Amino acid sequence: MSTVREVTYEVLRNLGMTVIFGNPGSTELPFLRDMPSDFRYVLGLHERSAAGMALGYALARGKAAFANLHLIASAGNGLSAIIDSAYSHAPPVADRLAGGWISP
């Protein structure tokens, strides 16, 4: 039986989202540990810059991007980029891991 982590990586792979933008905290570490070799992690200074990079990447590719954000207050830091993505019609998918999925 597959784990949630394994299924998440498979879904991301199938969607062509093998670049992950984020600023990892303790809740993200189990997800990122031993990340598959076909994935790349782009480290941002904080959640706003990570989500902003995901937005720029999505706009440049013309496809959704993946922003891995912290829980609760830290997700709020990246919220302006997620709102920007909705207005730009290129929404990145944001994963709050323990808090579920959010996407504009």
C-alpha atoms as a PDB file:
ATOM      1  CA  MET A   1       0.000   0.000   0.000  1.00  0.00           C
ATOM      2  CA  SER A   2       1.318   3.458  -0.930  1.00  0.00           C
ATOM      3  CA  THR A   3       1.840   6.253   1.573  1.00  0.00           C
ATOM      4  CA  VAL A   4       0.345   9.742   1.212  1.00  0.00           C
ATOM      5  CA  ARG A   5       3.869  11.024   0.550  1.00  0.00           C
ATOM      6  CA  GLU A   6       4.424   8.523  -2.281  1.00  0.00           C
ATOM      7  CA  VAL A   7       1.052   9.262  -3.848  1.00  0.00           C
ATOM      8  CA  THR A   8       1.666  13.024  -3.602  1.00  0.00           C
ATOM      9  CA  TYR A   9       4.964  12.725  -5.462  1.00  0.00           C
ATOM     10  CA  GLU A  10       3.297  10.536  -8.092  1.00  0.00           C
ATOM     11  CA  VAL A  11       0.462  13.045  -8.599  1.00  0.00           C
ATOM     12  CA  LEU A  12       2.957  15.914  -8.855  1.00  0.00           C
ATOM     13  CA  ARG A  13       5.034  13.909 -11.339  1.00  0.00           C
ATOM     14  CA  ASN A  14       1.963  13.118 -13.456  1.00  0.00           C
ATOM     15  CA  LEU A  15       1.037  16.819 -13.488  1.00  0.00           C
ATOM     16  CA  GLY A  16       4.550  17.802 -14.551  1.00  0.00           C
ATOM     17  CA  MET A  17       5.210  19.609 -11.269  1.00  0.00           C
ATOM     18  CA  THR A  18       8.662  18.268 -10.458  1.00  0.00           C
ATOM     19  CA  VAL A  19      10.013  21.632  -9.296  1.00  0.00           C
ATOM     20  CA  ILE A  20       8.977  22.523  -5.737  1.00  0.00           C
ATOM     21  CA  PHE A  21       9.296  26.088  -4.434  1.00  0.00           C
ATOM     22  CA  GLY A  22       9.341  26.654  -0.694  1.00  0.00           C
ATOM     23  CA  ASN A  23      10.964  27.503   2.602  1.00  0.00           C
ATOM     24  CA  PRO A  24      10.839  24.291   4.626  1.00  0.00           C
ATOM     25  CA  GLY A  25      10.018  24.069   8.291  1.00  0.00           C
ATOM     26  CA  SER A  26       9.765  21.110  10.619  1.00  0.00           C
ATOM     27  CA  THR A  27       6.362  20.002   9.263  1.00  0.00           C
ATOM     28  CA  GLU A  28       7.736  19.779   5.703  1.00  0.00           C
ATOM     29  CA  LEU A  29      10.874  17.801   6.490  1.00  0.00           C
ATOM     30  CA  PRO A  30       9.273  14.319   6.371  1.00  0.00           C
ATOM     31  CA  PHE A  31       7.846  15.160   2.925  1.00  0.00           C
ATOM     32  CA  LEU A  32      11.186  16.460   1.601  1.00  0.00           C
ATOM     33  CA  ARG A  33      13.446  13.793   3.131  1.00  0.00           C
ATOM     34  CA  ASP A  34      14.760  11.486   0.408  1.00  0.00           C
ATOM     35  CA  MET A  35      12.977  13.491  -2.284  1.00  0.00           C
ATOM     36  CA  PRO A  36      12.861  11.554  -5.583  1.00  0.00           C
ATOM     37  CA  SER A  37      15.830  12.287  -7.836  1.00  0.00           C
ATOM     38  CA  ASP A  38      13.641  13.626 -10.662  1.00  0.00           C
ATOM     39  CA  PHE A  39      12.382  16.439  -8.381  1.00  0.00           C
ATOM     40  CA  ARG A  40      14.143  19.729  -7.695  1.00  0.00           C
ATOM     41  CA  TYR A  41      13.636  21.999  -4.665  1.00  0.00           C
ATOM     42  CA  VAL A  42      14.009  25.782  -5.047  1.00  0.00           C
ATOM     43  CA  LEU A  43      14.599  27.415  -1.670  1.00  0.00           C
ATOM     44  CA  GLY A  44      13.021  30.803  -1.005  1.00  0.00           C
ATOM     45  CA  LEU A  45      13.977  33.254   1.719  1.00  0.00           C
ATOM     46  CA  HIS A  46      10.418  33.103   3.078  1.00  0.00           C
ATOM     47  CA  GLU A  47       6.963  31.982   1.937  1.00  0.00           C
ATOM     48  CA  ARG A  48       6.166  35.139  -0.062  1.00  0.00           C
ATOM     49  CA  SER A  49       9.308  34.826  -2.158  1.00  0.00           C
ATOM     50  CA  ALA A  50       8.803  31.073  -2.606  1.00  0.00           C
ATOM     51  CA  ALA A  51       5.202  31.528  -3.734  1.00  0.00           C
ATOM     52  CA  GLY A  52       6.286  34.458  -5.923  1.00  0.00           C
ATOM     53  CA  MET A  53       8.923  32.297  -7.603  1.00  0.00           C
ATOM     54  CA  ALA A  54       6.291  29.615  -8.194  1.00  0.00           C
ATOM     55  CA  LEU A  55       4.030  32.252  -9.749  1.00  0.00           C
ATOM     56  CA  GLY A  56       6.800  33.477 -12.081  1.00  0.00           C
ATOM     57  CA  TYR A  57       7.661  29.903 -13.032  1.00  0.00           C
ATOM     58  CA  ALA A  58       4.002  29.140 -13.753  1.00  0.00           C
ATOM     59  CA  LEU A  59       3.643  32.255 -15.891  1.00  0.00           C
ATOM     60  CA  ALA A  60       6.831  31.465 -17.831  1.00  0.00           C
ATOM     61  CA  ARG A  61       5.823  27.838 -18.456  1.00  0.00           C
ATOM     62  CA  GLY A  62       2.133  28.467 -18.961  1.00  0.00           C
ATOM     63  CA  LYS A  63       1.406  25.636 -16.505  1.00  0.00           C
ATOM     64  CA  ALA A  64       0.690  25.392 -12.784  1.00  0.00           C
ATOM     65  CA  ALA A  65       3.606  25.294 -10.346  1.00  0.00           C
ATOM     66  CA  PHE A  66       3.936  23.851  -6.854  1.00  0.00           C
ATOM     67  CA  ALA A  67       4.611  26.031  -3.802  1.00  0.00           C
ATOM     68  CA  ASN A  68       5.205  24.156  -0.560  1.00  0.00           C
ATOM     69  CA  LEU A  69       4.234  26.513   2.289  1.00  0.00           C
ATOM     70  CA  HIS A  70       4.319  26.313   6.086  1.00  0.00           C
ATOM     71  CA  LEU A  71       1.188  25.934   8.153  1.00  0.00           C
ATOM     72  CA  ILE A  72      -1.099  28.727   9.396  1.00  0.00           C
ATOM     73  CA  ALA A  73       0.685  32.080   9.900  1.00  0.00           C
ATOM     74  CA  SER A  74       3.487  31.283   7.487  1.00  0.00           C
ATOM     75  CA  ALA A  75       0.983  30.332   4.795  1.00  0.00           C
ATOM     76  CA  GLY A  76      -0.454  33.817   5.292  1.00  0.00           C
ATOM     77  CA  ASN A  77       2.928  35.258   4.320  1.00  0.00           C
ATOM     78  CA  GLY A  78       2.620  33.611   0.924  1.00  0.00           C
ATOM     79  CA  LEU A  79      -1.058  34.449   0.528  1.00  0.00           C
ATOM     80  CA  SER A  80      -0.439  37.640  -1.456  1.00  0.00           C
ATOM     81  CA  ALA A  81       1.459  35.641  -4.106  1.00  0.00           C
ATOM     82  CA  ILE A  82      -1.348  33.095  -4.235  1.00  0.00           C
ATOM     83  CA  ILE A  83      -3.847  35.939  -4.737  1.00  0.00           C
ATOM     84  CA  ASP A  84      -1.543  37.444  -7.383  1.00  0.00           C
ATOM     85  CA  SER A  85      -1.528  34.095  -9.156  1.00  0.00           C
ATOM     86  CA  ALA A  86      -5.321  34.043  -9.298  1.00  0.00           C
ATOM     87  CA  TYR A  87      -5.414  37.520 -10.840  1.00  0.00           C
ATOM     88  CA  SER A  88      -2.660  36.496 -13.280  1.00  0.00           C
ATOM     89  CA  HIS A  89      -4.660  33.416 -14.336  1.00  0.00           C
ATOM     90  CA  ALA A  90      -1.679  31.164 -13.574  1.00  0.00           C
ATOM     91  CA  PRO A  91      -2.393  29.706 -10.124  1.00  0.00           C
ATOM     92  CA  PRO A  92       0.342  27.686  -8.466  1.00  0.00           C
ATOM     93  CA  VAL A  93      -0.879  24.870  -6.272  1.00  0.00           C
ATOM     94  CA  ALA A  94       0.016  25.442  -2.627  1.00  0.00           C
ATOM     95  CA  ASP A  95       0.301  22.513  -0.237  1.00  0.00           C
ATOM     96  CA  ARG A  96       0.047  23.101   3.508  1.00  0.00           C
ATOM     97  CA  LEU A  97       0.859  19.434   4.229  1.00  0.00           C
ATOM     98  CA  ALA A  98      -0.842  18.921   7.611  1.00  0.00           C
ATOM     99  CA  GLY A  99      -3.541  21.469   6.776  1.00  0.00           C
ATOM    100  CA  GLY A 100      -4.755  20.161   3.425  1.00  0.00           C
ATOM    101  CA  TRP A 101      -4.682  21.636  -0.063  1.00  0.00           C
ATOM    102  CA  ILE A 102      -5.318  25.258  -0.988  1.00  0.00           C
ATOM    103  CA  SER A 103      -5.481  26.708  -4.466  1.00  0.00           C
ATOM    104  CA  PRO A 104      -7.130  29.838  -5.848  1.00  0.00           C
END
